[in-house]
């Protein structure tokens, strides 16, 4: 069985593009309301433990994608599950991507899970792939936006009736007021653009942004429930452009040098193990080369 890709909310699960791509496991017992009773919390923890144990039994390893914006109770619950199960087969991957961008990342990991990557490499690939996802939104206001740097001038302009802004959150923050010719910097590689409309029409995203970014396809998906909170407004059309081709994703991950984690032994790419969080030790310094004395051999 392929490594399980799990998410903390059903809205982070995009439809599979083909019959080979497995769906993501939704951890129903992780997200908790602040008003949940103590008895219900204990019962939910038991359910979550059973749920995670079943995933480990069926898949061997589990990679959990958790939004960095999630309430503290969510990662706390995930670490509690890992601790109680005393399992080193659970990777908890936090991500700063906005909701639709994180959904796309989960889909890419699901696609790669059927390839020959080891669990450690697959989990570490989440950080690598995040750099190739262009995630942003068309917003009717940036007055309360605090996840992307917003200048005082932009704050002032957001109060003008009818003003709209194109905001890029990843891979680098950028904000552009619509009305001129400026556009957020797009990817220099082939992508498919997904968009999810809230209380704004998606015309600009479909008719202007997608062609300007040379998107090789454009598809409408449902707006994640957390998007209005993440973008601080319901006047939003969230979008994410990413590599859709599994063969390109495979080559991208395969091109990175692999190492063995000195702590848990799993394969990894990058500078830190996604399962045990151990950093790669610094490279050993090159031995000093001493010149031979004159007449030496």
C-alpha atoms as a PDB file:
ATOM      1  CA  UNK A   1       0.000   0.000   0.000  1.00  0.00           C
ATOM      2  CA  UNK A   2       1.269   3.518  -0.733  1.00  0.00           C
ATOM      3  CA  UNK A   3       2.179   5.885   2.077  1.00  0.00           C
ATOM      4  CA  UNK A   4      -0.985   7.525   3.404  1.00  0.00           C
ATOM      5  CA  UNK A   5      -1.447  11.262   2.869  1.00  0.00           C
ATOM      6  CA  UNK A   6      -3.694  12.691   5.570  1.00  0.00           C
ATOM      7  CA  UNK A   7      -5.227  16.139   6.050  1.00  0.00           C
ATOM      8  CA  UNK A   8      -6.932  17.853   8.952  1.00  0.00           C
ATOM      9  CA  UNK A   9     -10.038  18.964   7.058  1.00  0.00           C
ATOM     10  CA  UNK A  10     -12.175  17.499   4.241  1.00  0.00           C
ATOM     11  CA  UNK A  11     -11.976  20.796   2.327  1.00  0.00           C
ATOM     12  CA  UNK A  12      -8.282  20.084   1.689  1.00  0.00           C
ATOM     13  CA  UNK A  13      -9.130  17.069  -0.480  1.00  0.00           C
ATOM     14  CA  UNK A  14      -9.347  17.820  -4.205  1.00  0.00           C
ATOM     15  CA  UNK A  15     -10.887  15.252  -6.583  1.00  0.00           C
ATOM     16  CA  UNK A  16      -8.438  12.679  -7.940  1.00  0.00           C
ATOM     17  CA  UNK A  17      -7.427  13.530 -11.532  1.00  0.00           C
ATOM     18  CA  UNK A  18      -7.387   9.832 -12.488  1.00  0.00           C
ATOM     19  CA  UNK A  19      -8.287   6.424 -11.136  1.00  0.00           C
ATOM     20  CA  UNK A  20      -4.710   5.755  -9.980  1.00  0.00           C
ATOM     21  CA  UNK A  21      -4.383   8.690  -7.580  1.00  0.00           C
ATOM     22  CA  UNK A  22      -5.537   7.697  -4.076  1.00  0.00           C
ATOM     23  CA  UNK A  23      -7.646  10.073  -2.028  1.00  0.00           C
ATOM     24  CA  UNK A  24      -6.415  11.663   1.179  1.00  0.00           C
ATOM     25  CA  UNK A  25      -7.376  10.416   4.613  1.00  0.00           C
ATOM     26  CA  UNK A  26      -9.342  13.056   6.546  1.00  0.00           C
ATOM     27  CA  UNK A  27      -8.507  12.970  10.259  1.00  0.00           C
ATOM     28  CA  UNK A  28     -11.977  13.489  11.661  1.00  0.00           C
ATOM     29  CA  UNK A  29     -10.869  13.383  15.304  1.00  0.00           C
ATOM     30  CA  UNK A  30      -8.220  16.105  15.077  1.00  0.00           C
ATOM     31  CA  UNK A  31      -9.994  19.467  14.723  1.00  0.00           C
ATOM     32  CA  UNK A  32     -11.832  20.396  17.904  1.00  0.00           C
ATOM     33  CA  UNK A  33     -14.147  23.251  18.820  1.00  0.00           C
ATOM     34  CA  UNK A  34     -13.171  25.344  21.863  1.00  0.00           C
ATOM     35  CA  UNK A  35     -16.637  24.576  23.267  1.00  0.00           C
ATOM     36  CA  UNK A  36     -16.144  20.813  23.099  1.00  0.00           C
ATOM     37  CA  UNK A  37     -16.776  19.170  26.467  1.00  0.00           C
ATOM     38  CA  UNK A  38     -14.046  17.264  28.284  1.00  0.00           C
ATOM     39  CA  UNK A  39     -15.900  13.968  27.827  1.00  0.00           C
ATOM     40  CA  UNK A  40     -16.338  14.593  24.121  1.00  0.00           C
ATOM     41  CA  UNK A  41     -12.658  15.572  23.818  1.00  0.00           C
ATOM     42  CA  UNK A  42     -11.558  12.305  25.438  1.00  0.00           C
ATOM     43  CA  UNK A  43     -13.884  10.317  23.195  1.00  0.00           C
ATOM     44  CA  UNK A  44     -12.630  12.173  20.147  1.00  0.00           C
ATOM     45  CA  UNK A  45      -9.014  11.447  21.112  1.00  0.00           C
ATOM     46  CA  UNK A  46      -9.834   7.753  21.349  1.00  0.00           C
ATOM     47  CA  UNK A  47     -11.407   7.924  17.891  1.00  0.00           C
ATOM     48  CA  UNK A  48      -8.387   9.789  16.527  1.00  0.00           C
ATOM     49  CA  UNK A  49      -5.993   7.221  17.972  1.00  0.00           C
ATOM     50  CA  UNK A  50      -7.975   4.383  16.427  1.00  0.00           C
ATOM     51  CA  UNK A  51      -8.114   6.234  13.122  1.00  0.00           C
ATOM     52  CA  UNK A  52      -4.357   6.844  13.029  1.00  0.00           C
ATOM     53  CA  UNK A  53      -3.509   3.319  14.182  1.00  0.00           C
ATOM     54  CA  UNK A  54      -5.634   1.914  11.347  1.00  0.00           C
ATOM     55  CA  UNK A  55      -3.834   4.107   8.800  1.00  0.00           C
ATOM     56  CA  UNK A  56      -0.427   2.961  10.052  1.00  0.00           C
ATOM     57  CA  UNK A  57      -1.497  -0.695   9.938  1.00  0.00           C
ATOM     58  CA  UNK A  58      -2.724  -0.382   6.354  1.00  0.00           C
ATOM     59  CA  UNK A  59      -0.102   1.977   4.910  1.00  0.00           C
ATOM     60  CA  UNK A  60       2.989   1.634   7.069  1.00  0.00           C
ATOM     61  CA  UNK A  61       3.627   5.389   7.254  1.00  0.00           C
ATOM     62  CA  UNK A  62       1.367   8.452   7.421  1.00  0.00           C
ATOM     63  CA  UNK A  63       2.166  11.996   6.249  1.00  0.00           C
ATOM     64  CA  UNK A  64      -0.166  14.569   7.817  1.00  0.00           C
ATOM     65  CA  UNK A  65      -0.466  18.008   6.205  1.00  0.00           C
ATOM     66  CA  UNK A  66      -1.436  20.594   8.805  1.00  0.00           C
ATOM     67  CA  UNK A  67      -1.973  24.308   8.003  1.00  0.00           C
ATOM     68  CA  UNK A  68       0.328  26.638   9.910  1.00  0.00           C
ATOM     69  CA  UNK A  69      -2.783  28.786  10.419  1.00  0.00           C
ATOM     70  CA  UNK A  70      -4.679  26.002  12.216  1.00  0.00           C
ATOM     71  CA  UNK A  71      -5.728  26.668  15.834  1.00  0.00           C
ATOM     72  CA  UNK A  72      -3.070  25.487  18.346  1.00  0.00           C
ATOM     73  CA  UNK A  73      -5.348  22.630  19.431  1.00  0.00           C
ATOM     74  CA  UNK A  74      -4.906  20.930  16.045  1.00  0.00           C
ATOM     75  CA  UNK A  75      -1.104  20.433  16.071  1.00  0.00           C
ATOM     76  CA  UNK A  76      -1.271  19.705  19.801  1.00  0.00           C
ATOM     77  CA  UNK A  77      -3.727  16.887  19.109  1.00  0.00           C
ATOM     78  CA  UNK A  78      -1.518  15.520  16.309  1.00  0.00           C
ATOM     79  CA  UNK A  79       1.561  15.455  18.532  1.00  0.00           C
ATOM     80  CA  UNK A  80      -0.469  13.860  21.323  1.00  0.00           C
ATOM     81  CA  UNK A  81      -1.549  11.086  18.948  1.00  0.00           C
ATOM     82  CA  UNK A  82       2.045  10.520  17.855  1.00  0.00           C
ATOM     83  CA  UNK A  83       3.200  10.429  21.468  1.00  0.00           C
ATOM     84  CA  UNK A  84       0.494   8.066  22.746  1.00  0.00           C
ATOM     85  CA  UNK A  85       1.005   5.664  19.855  1.00  0.00           C
ATOM     86  CA  UNK A  86       4.778   5.933  20.371  1.00  0.00           C
ATOM     87  CA  UNK A  87       5.071   5.805  16.625  1.00  0.00           C
ATOM     88  CA  UNK A  88       7.898   7.115  14.459  1.00  0.00           C
ATOM     89  CA  UNK A  89       5.817   6.413  11.360  1.00  0.00           C
ATOM     90  CA  UNK A  90       3.825   9.668  11.514  1.00  0.00           C
ATOM     91  CA  UNK A  91       5.191  12.811   9.834  1.00  0.00           C
ATOM     92  CA  UNK A  92       3.472  16.076  10.793  1.00  0.00           C
ATOM     93  CA  UNK A  93       4.156  18.611   8.035  1.00  0.00           C
ATOM     94  CA  UNK A  94       3.155  22.219   8.769  1.00  0.00           C
ATOM     95  CA  UNK A  95       2.607  24.509   5.784  1.00  0.00           C
ATOM     96  CA  UNK A  96       2.195  28.278   5.353  1.00  0.00           C
ATOM     97  CA  UNK A  97       0.321  27.832   2.062  1.00  0.00           C
ATOM     98  CA  UNK A  98      -3.214  29.273   1.894  1.00  0.00           C
ATOM     99  CA  UNK A  99      -6.064  26.723   1.880  1.00  0.00           C
ATOM    100  CA  UNK A 100      -6.332  26.081  -1.875  1.00  0.00           C
ATOM    101  CA  UNK A 101      -2.553  25.968  -2.253  1.00  0.00           C
ATOM    102  CA  UNK A 102      -2.361  23.393   0.546  1.00  0.00           C
ATOM    103  CA  UNK A 103      -5.075  21.351  -1.170  1.00  0.00           C
ATOM    104  CA  UNK A 104      -2.947  21.329  -4.329  1.00  0.00           C
ATOM    105  CA  UNK A 105       0.131  20.251  -2.354  1.00  0.00           C
ATOM    106  CA  UNK A 106      -1.855  17.390  -0.820  1.00  0.00           C
ATOM    107  CA  UNK A 107      -2.951  16.328  -4.308  1.00  0.00           C
ATOM    108  CA  UNK A 108       0.629  16.330  -5.593  1.00  0.00           C
ATOM    109  CA  UNK A 109       1.781  14.173  -2.664  1.00  0.00           C
ATOM    110  CA  UNK A 110      -1.125  11.811  -3.327  1.00  0.00           C
ATOM    111  CA  UNK A 111       0.012  11.519  -6.943  1.00  0.00           C
ATOM    112  CA  UNK A 112       3.609  10.810  -5.926  1.00  0.00           C
ATOM    113  CA  UNK A 113       2.591   8.328  -3.221  1.00  0.00           C
ATOM    114  CA  UNK A 114       2.066   5.635  -5.870  1.00  0.00           C
ATOM    115  CA  UNK A 115       5.630   6.106  -7.166  1.00  0.00           C
ATOM    116  CA  UNK A 116       8.721   4.399  -5.788  1.00  0.00           C
ATOM    117  CA  UNK A 117       9.640   7.118  -3.296  1.00  0.00           C
ATOM    118  CA  UNK A 118      10.317   6.068   0.278  1.00  0.00           C
ATOM    119  CA  UNK A 119       8.120   7.615   3.008  1.00  0.00           C
ATOM    120  CA  UNK A 120      10.946   9.875   4.176  1.00  0.00           C
ATOM    121  CA  UNK A 121      11.611  11.297   0.716  1.00  0.00           C
ATOM    122  CA  UNK A 122       7.884  11.765   0.061  1.00  0.00           C
ATOM    123  CA  UNK A 123       7.374  13.665   3.326  1.00  0.00           C
ATOM    124  CA  UNK A 124      10.390  15.908   2.699  1.00  0.00           C
ATOM    125  CA  UNK A 125       9.124  16.562  -0.841  1.00  0.00           C
ATOM    126  CA  UNK A 126       6.279  18.635   0.629  1.00  0.00           C
ATOM    127  CA  UNK A 127       8.630  21.524   1.357  1.00  0.00           C
ATOM    128  CA  UNK A 128      10.285  21.243  -2.072  1.00  0.00           C
ATOM    129  CA  UNK A 129       6.995  21.196  -3.980  1.00  0.00           C
ATOM    130  CA  UNK A 130       5.688  24.194  -2.022  1.00  0.00           C
ATOM    131  CA  UNK A 131       8.245  26.379  -3.822  1.00  0.00           C
ATOM    132  CA  UNK A 132       6.586  25.505  -7.154  1.00  0.00           C
ATOM    133  CA  UNK A 133       3.002  26.348  -6.149  1.00  0.00           C
ATOM    134  CA  UNK A 134       1.860  29.868  -7.008  1.00  0.00           C
ATOM    135  CA  UNK A 135      -0.948  30.478  -4.542  1.00  0.00           C
ATOM    136  CA  UNK A 136      -2.874  33.710  -4.180  1.00  0.00           C
ATOM    137  CA  UNK A 137      -6.243  35.382  -4.428  1.00  0.00           C
ATOM    138  CA  UNK A 138      -8.241  38.158  -5.994  1.00  0.00           C
ATOM    139  CA  UNK A 139      -9.520  40.265  -3.081  1.00  0.00           C
ATOM    140  CA  UNK A 140     -12.074  43.017  -2.739  1.00  0.00           C
ATOM    141  CA  UNK A 141     -10.287  44.359   0.344  1.00  0.00           C
ATOM    142  CA  UNK A 142      -6.888  44.065   2.025  1.00  0.00           C
ATOM    143  CA  UNK A 143      -7.842  46.215   5.007  1.00  0.00           C
ATOM    144  CA  UNK A 144      -7.584  43.287   7.451  1.00  0.00           C
ATOM    145  CA  UNK A 145      -5.097  41.101   5.575  1.00  0.00           C
ATOM    146  CA  UNK A 146      -2.141  40.230   7.821  1.00  0.00           C
ATOM    147  CA  UNK A 147      -0.665  37.129   6.172  1.00  0.00           C
ATOM    148  CA  UNK A 148       0.932  39.096   3.315  1.00  0.00           C
ATOM    149  CA  UNK A 149       2.760  42.419   3.751  1.00  0.00           C
ATOM    150  CA  UNK A 150       0.381  45.267   2.885  1.00  0.00           C
ATOM    151  CA  UNK A 151       1.547  48.874   2.618  1.00  0.00           C
ATOM    152  CA  UNK A 152      -0.350  51.758   4.223  1.00  0.00           C
ATOM    153  CA  UNK A 153      -1.101  53.040   0.723  1.00  0.00           C
ATOM    154  CA  UNK A 154      -2.729  49.734  -0.230  1.00  0.00           C
ATOM    155  CA  UNK A 155      -4.715  49.748   3.000  1.00  0.00           C
ATOM    156  CA  UNK A 156      -6.003  53.202   2.100  1.00  0.00           C
ATOM    157  CA  UNK A 157      -6.885  52.189  -1.458  1.00  0.00           C
ATOM    158  CA  UNK A 158      -8.813  49.175  -0.200  1.00  0.00           C
ATOM    159  CA  UNK A 159     -11.484  51.530   1.153  1.00  0.00           C
ATOM    160  CA  UNK A 160     -12.206  52.851  -2.350  1.00  0.00           C
ATOM    161  CA  UNK A 161     -15.499  51.319  -3.588  1.00  0.00           C
ATOM    162  CA  UNK A 162     -14.920  48.665  -6.222  1.00  0.00           C
ATOM    163  CA  UNK A 163     -11.162  48.363  -5.593  1.00  0.00           C
ATOM    164  CA  UNK A 164      -9.698  44.916  -6.179  1.00  0.00           C
ATOM    165  CA  UNK A 165      -6.272  43.470  -5.479  1.00  0.00           C
ATOM    166  CA  UNK A 166      -4.326  40.496  -6.787  1.00  0.00           C
ATOM    167  CA  UNK A 167      -2.341  39.044  -3.896  1.00  0.00           C
ATOM    168  CA  UNK A 168       0.277  36.331  -4.158  1.00  0.00           C
ATOM    169  CA  UNK A 169       1.105  34.502  -0.919  1.00  0.00           C
ATOM    170  CA  UNK A 170       3.512  31.876  -2.292  1.00  0.00           C
ATOM    171  CA  UNK A 171       6.191  31.233  -3.358  1.00  0.00           C
ATOM    172  CA  UNK A 172       6.904  34.909  -2.549  1.00  0.00           C
ATOM    173  CA  UNK A 173       4.469  37.586  -1.315  1.00  0.00           C
ATOM    174  CA  UNK A 174       3.300  40.214  -3.761  1.00  0.00           C
ATOM    175  CA  UNK A 175       0.352  42.621  -3.938  1.00  0.00           C
ATOM    176  CA  UNK A 176      -0.926  44.395  -7.049  1.00  0.00           C
ATOM    177  CA  UNK A 177      -3.909  46.760  -7.301  1.00  0.00           C
ATOM    178  CA  UNK A 178      -6.012  45.956 -10.346  1.00  0.00           C
ATOM    179  CA  UNK A 179      -6.595  48.659 -12.880  1.00  0.00           C
ATOM    180  CA  UNK A 180      -3.146  48.936 -14.430  1.00  0.00           C
ATOM    181  CA  UNK A 181      -1.077  46.535 -16.478  1.00  0.00           C
ATOM    182  CA  UNK A 182       0.847  45.093 -13.539  1.00  0.00           C
ATOM    183  CA  UNK A 183       0.273  41.459 -12.617  1.00  0.00           C
ATOM    184  CA  UNK A 184       1.756  39.232  -9.918  1.00  0.00           C
ATOM    185  CA  UNK A 185       4.882  37.456 -11.166  1.00  0.00           C
ATOM    186  CA  UNK A 186       3.847  34.052 -12.472  1.00  0.00           C
ATOM    187  CA  UNK A 187       5.581  30.706 -12.876  1.00  0.00           C
ATOM    188  CA  UNK A 188       8.145  30.162 -15.595  1.00  0.00           C
ATOM    189  CA  UNK A 189       7.013  26.587 -16.159  1.00  0.00           C
ATOM    190  CA  UNK A 190       3.884  24.802 -17.317  1.00  0.00           C
ATOM    191  CA  UNK A 191       1.053  24.768 -14.779  1.00  0.00           C
ATOM    192  CA  UNK A 192      -2.652  24.174 -14.377  1.00  0.00           C
ATOM    193  CA  UNK A 193      -4.582  26.900 -12.577  1.00  0.00           C
ATOM    194  CA  UNK A 194      -7.332  26.078 -10.101  1.00  0.00           C
ATOM    195  CA  UNK A 195      -9.624  28.782  -8.780  1.00  0.00           C
ATOM    196  CA  UNK A 196     -12.378  28.942  -6.167  1.00  0.00           C
ATOM    197  CA  UNK A 197     -14.808  31.846  -6.108  1.00  0.00           C
ATOM    198  CA  UNK A 198     -16.280  33.391  -2.983  1.00  0.00           C
ATOM    199  CA  UNK A 199     -18.220  36.665  -3.166  1.00  0.00           C
ATOM    200  CA  UNK A 200     -16.358  37.917  -6.255  1.00  0.00           C
ATOM    201  CA  UNK A 201     -16.715  36.970  -9.918  1.00  0.00           C
ATOM    202  CA  UNK A 202     -13.767  34.914 -11.224  1.00  0.00           C
ATOM    203  CA  UNK A 203     -13.633  36.653 -14.631  1.00  0.00           C
ATOM    204  CA  UNK A 204     -10.293  38.390 -14.032  1.00  0.00           C
ATOM    205  CA  UNK A 205      -8.632  35.166 -12.882  1.00  0.00           C
ATOM    206  CA  UNK A 206      -9.925  33.193 -15.890  1.00  0.00           C
ATOM    207  CA  UNK A 207      -9.659  35.829 -18.625  1.00  0.00           C
ATOM    208  CA  UNK A 208      -6.573  37.784 -17.558  1.00  0.00           C
ATOM    209  CA  UNK A 209      -4.409  35.948 -15.039  1.00  0.00           C
ATOM    210  CA  UNK A 210      -4.555  32.441 -16.537  1.00  0.00           C
ATOM    211  CA  UNK A 211      -3.502  33.567 -20.073  1.00  0.00           C
ATOM    212  CA  UNK A 212      -0.804  35.882 -18.669  1.00  0.00           C
ATOM    213  CA  UNK A 213       0.637  32.977 -16.678  1.00  0.00           C
ATOM    214  CA  UNK A 214       0.403  30.661 -19.726  1.00  0.00           C
ATOM    215  CA  UNK A 215      -1.663  28.194 -17.730  1.00  0.00           C
ATOM    216  CA  UNK A 216      -2.205  24.958 -19.638  1.00  0.00           C
ATOM    217  CA  UNK A 217      -5.649  24.548 -18.160  1.00  0.00           C
ATOM    218  CA  UNK A 218      -8.058  26.267 -15.801  1.00  0.00           C
ATOM    219  CA  UNK A 219     -10.575  24.585 -13.515  1.00  0.00           C
ATOM    220  CA  UNK A 220     -13.180  25.726 -11.005  1.00  0.00           C
ATOM    221  CA  UNK A 221     -13.218  24.072  -7.570  1.00  0.00           C
ATOM    222  CA  UNK A 222     -15.144  24.679  -4.378  1.00  0.00           C
ATOM    223  CA  UNK A 223     -13.858  27.453  -2.123  1.00  0.00           C
ATOM    224  CA  UNK A 224     -12.344  25.973   1.069  1.00  0.00           C
ATOM    225  CA  UNK A 225     -14.355  26.940   4.132  1.00  0.00           C
ATOM    226  CA  UNK A 226     -11.261  28.432   5.793  1.00  0.00           C
ATOM    227  CA  UNK A 227     -10.389  30.721   2.854  1.00  0.00           C
ATOM    228  CA  UNK A 228     -12.413  33.798   4.001  1.00  0.00           C
ATOM    229  CA  UNK A 229     -10.696  33.626   7.391  1.00  0.00           C
ATOM    230  CA  UNK A 230      -7.243  33.127   5.867  1.00  0.00           C
ATOM    231  CA  UNK A 231      -7.657  36.047   3.444  1.00  0.00           C
ATOM    232  CA  UNK A 232      -9.603  38.171   5.989  1.00  0.00           C
ATOM    233  CA  UNK A 233     -12.508  38.791   3.597  1.00  0.00           C
ATOM    234  CA  UNK A 234     -15.352  36.912   1.939  1.00  0.00           C
ATOM    235  CA  UNK A 235     -14.796  38.978  -1.215  1.00  0.00           C
ATOM    236  CA  UNK A 236     -12.276  36.518  -2.600  1.00  0.00           C
ATOM    237  CA  UNK A 237     -11.428  34.325  -5.559  1.00  0.00           C
ATOM    238  CA  UNK A 238      -8.613  32.056  -4.434  1.00  0.00           C
ATOM    239  CA  UNK A 239      -6.300  30.564  -7.061  1.00  0.00           C
ATOM    240  CA  UNK A 240      -3.341  28.208  -7.235  1.00  0.00           C
ATOM    241  CA  UNK A 241      -1.147  27.381 -10.240  1.00  0.00           C
ATOM    242  CA  UNK A 242       0.914  24.209  -9.966  1.00  0.00           C
ATOM    243  CA  UNK A 243       2.556  21.425 -11.948  1.00  0.00           C
ATOM    244  CA  UNK A 244      -0.150  18.868 -12.819  1.00  0.00           C
ATOM    245  CA  UNK A 245       2.009  16.282 -14.607  1.00  0.00           C
ATOM    246  CA  UNK A 246       3.109  13.436 -12.316  1.00  0.00           C
ATOM    247  CA  UNK A 247       6.123  12.660 -14.527  1.00  0.00           C
ATOM    248  CA  UNK A 248       7.440  16.222 -14.070  1.00  0.00           C
ATOM    249  CA  UNK A 249       6.826  16.070 -10.320  1.00  0.00           C
ATOM    250  CA  UNK A 250       8.652  12.738 -10.204  1.00  0.00           C
ATOM    251  CA  UNK A 251      11.680  14.148 -12.030  1.00  0.00           C
ATOM    252  CA  UNK A 252      11.720  17.184  -9.768  1.00  0.00           C
ATOM    253  CA  UNK A 253      11.852  15.119  -6.578  1.00  0.00           C
ATOM    254  CA  UNK A 254      14.196  12.512  -8.076  1.00  0.00           C
ATOM    255  CA  UNK A 255      16.748  15.177  -8.999  1.00  0.00           C
ATOM    256  CA  UNK A 256      17.441  16.036  -5.352  1.00  0.00           C
ATOM    257  CA  UNK A 257      20.229  14.229  -3.544  1.00  0.00           C
ATOM    258  CA  UNK A 258      19.046  11.713  -0.958  1.00  0.00           C
ATOM    259  CA  UNK A 259      20.587  11.108   2.437  1.00  0.00           C
ATOM    260  CA  UNK A 260      19.873   8.772   5.335  1.00  0.00           C
ATOM    261  CA  UNK A 261      18.662  10.380   8.553  1.00  0.00           C
ATOM    262  CA  UNK A 262      21.352   9.894  11.208  1.00  0.00           C
ATOM    263  CA  UNK A 263      18.641   9.594  13.885  1.00  0.00           C
ATOM    264  CA  UNK A 264      15.795   7.416  12.540  1.00  0.00           C
ATOM    265  CA  UNK A 265      17.457   5.987   9.435  1.00  0.00           C
ATOM    266  CA  UNK A 266      14.787   7.046   6.945  1.00  0.00           C
ATOM    267  CA  UNK A 267      15.755   8.505   3.589  1.00  0.00           C
ATOM    268  CA  UNK A 268      15.361  12.252   3.251  1.00  0.00           C
ATOM    269  CA  UNK A 269      15.942  15.156   0.914  1.00  0.00           C
ATOM    270  CA  UNK A 270      16.775  18.620   2.131  1.00  0.00           C
ATOM    271  CA  UNK A 271      18.242  19.533   5.493  1.00  0.00           C
ATOM    272  CA  UNK A 272      15.778  17.978   7.957  1.00  0.00           C
ATOM    273  CA  UNK A 273      13.926  14.688   8.418  1.00  0.00           C
ATOM    274  CA  UNK A 274      10.162  15.148   8.167  1.00  0.00           C
ATOM    275  CA  UNK A 275       9.442  12.213  10.486  1.00  0.00           C
ATOM    276  CA  UNK A 276      11.772  12.739  13.455  1.00  0.00           C
ATOM    277  CA  UNK A 277      12.665  16.418  12.736  1.00  0.00           C
ATOM    278  CA  UNK A 278      16.377  15.698  13.152  1.00  0.00           C
ATOM    279  CA  UNK A 279      18.522  18.141  11.141  1.00  0.00           C
ATOM    280  CA  UNK A 280      21.190  16.924   8.797  1.00  0.00           C
ATOM    281  CA  UNK A 281      24.603  17.124  10.492  1.00  0.00           C
ATOM    282  CA  UNK A 282      26.944  19.706   8.989  1.00  0.00           C
ATOM    283  CA  UNK A 283      29.182  18.439   6.263  1.00  0.00           C
ATOM    284  CA  UNK A 284      32.602  17.341   7.404  1.00  0.00           C
ATOM    285  CA  UNK A 285      35.268  19.901   6.515  1.00  0.00           C
ATOM    286  CA  UNK A 286      37.603  19.033   3.684  1.00  0.00           C
ATOM    287  CA  UNK A 287      40.971  17.756   4.926  1.00  0.00           C
ATOM    288  CA  UNK A 288      43.699  20.382   4.758  1.00  0.00           C
ATOM    289  CA  UNK A 289      46.164  19.933   1.932  1.00  0.00           C
ATOM    290  CA  UNK A 290      49.752  20.648   2.916  1.00  0.00           C
ATOM    291  CA  UNK A 291      52.379  21.399   0.349  1.00  0.00           C
ATOM    292  CA  UNK A 292      55.351  19.044   0.300  1.00  0.00           C
ATOM    293  CA  UNK A 293      58.660  20.607   1.345  1.00  0.00           C
ATOM    294  CA  UNK A 294      61.203  21.223  -1.345  1.00  0.00           C
ATOM    295  CA  UNK A 295      62.832  17.999  -2.309  1.00  0.00           C
ATOM    296  CA  UNK A 296      60.017  15.930  -0.774  1.00  0.00           C
ATOM    297  CA  UNK A 297      58.474  13.022  -2.668  1.00  0.00           C
END
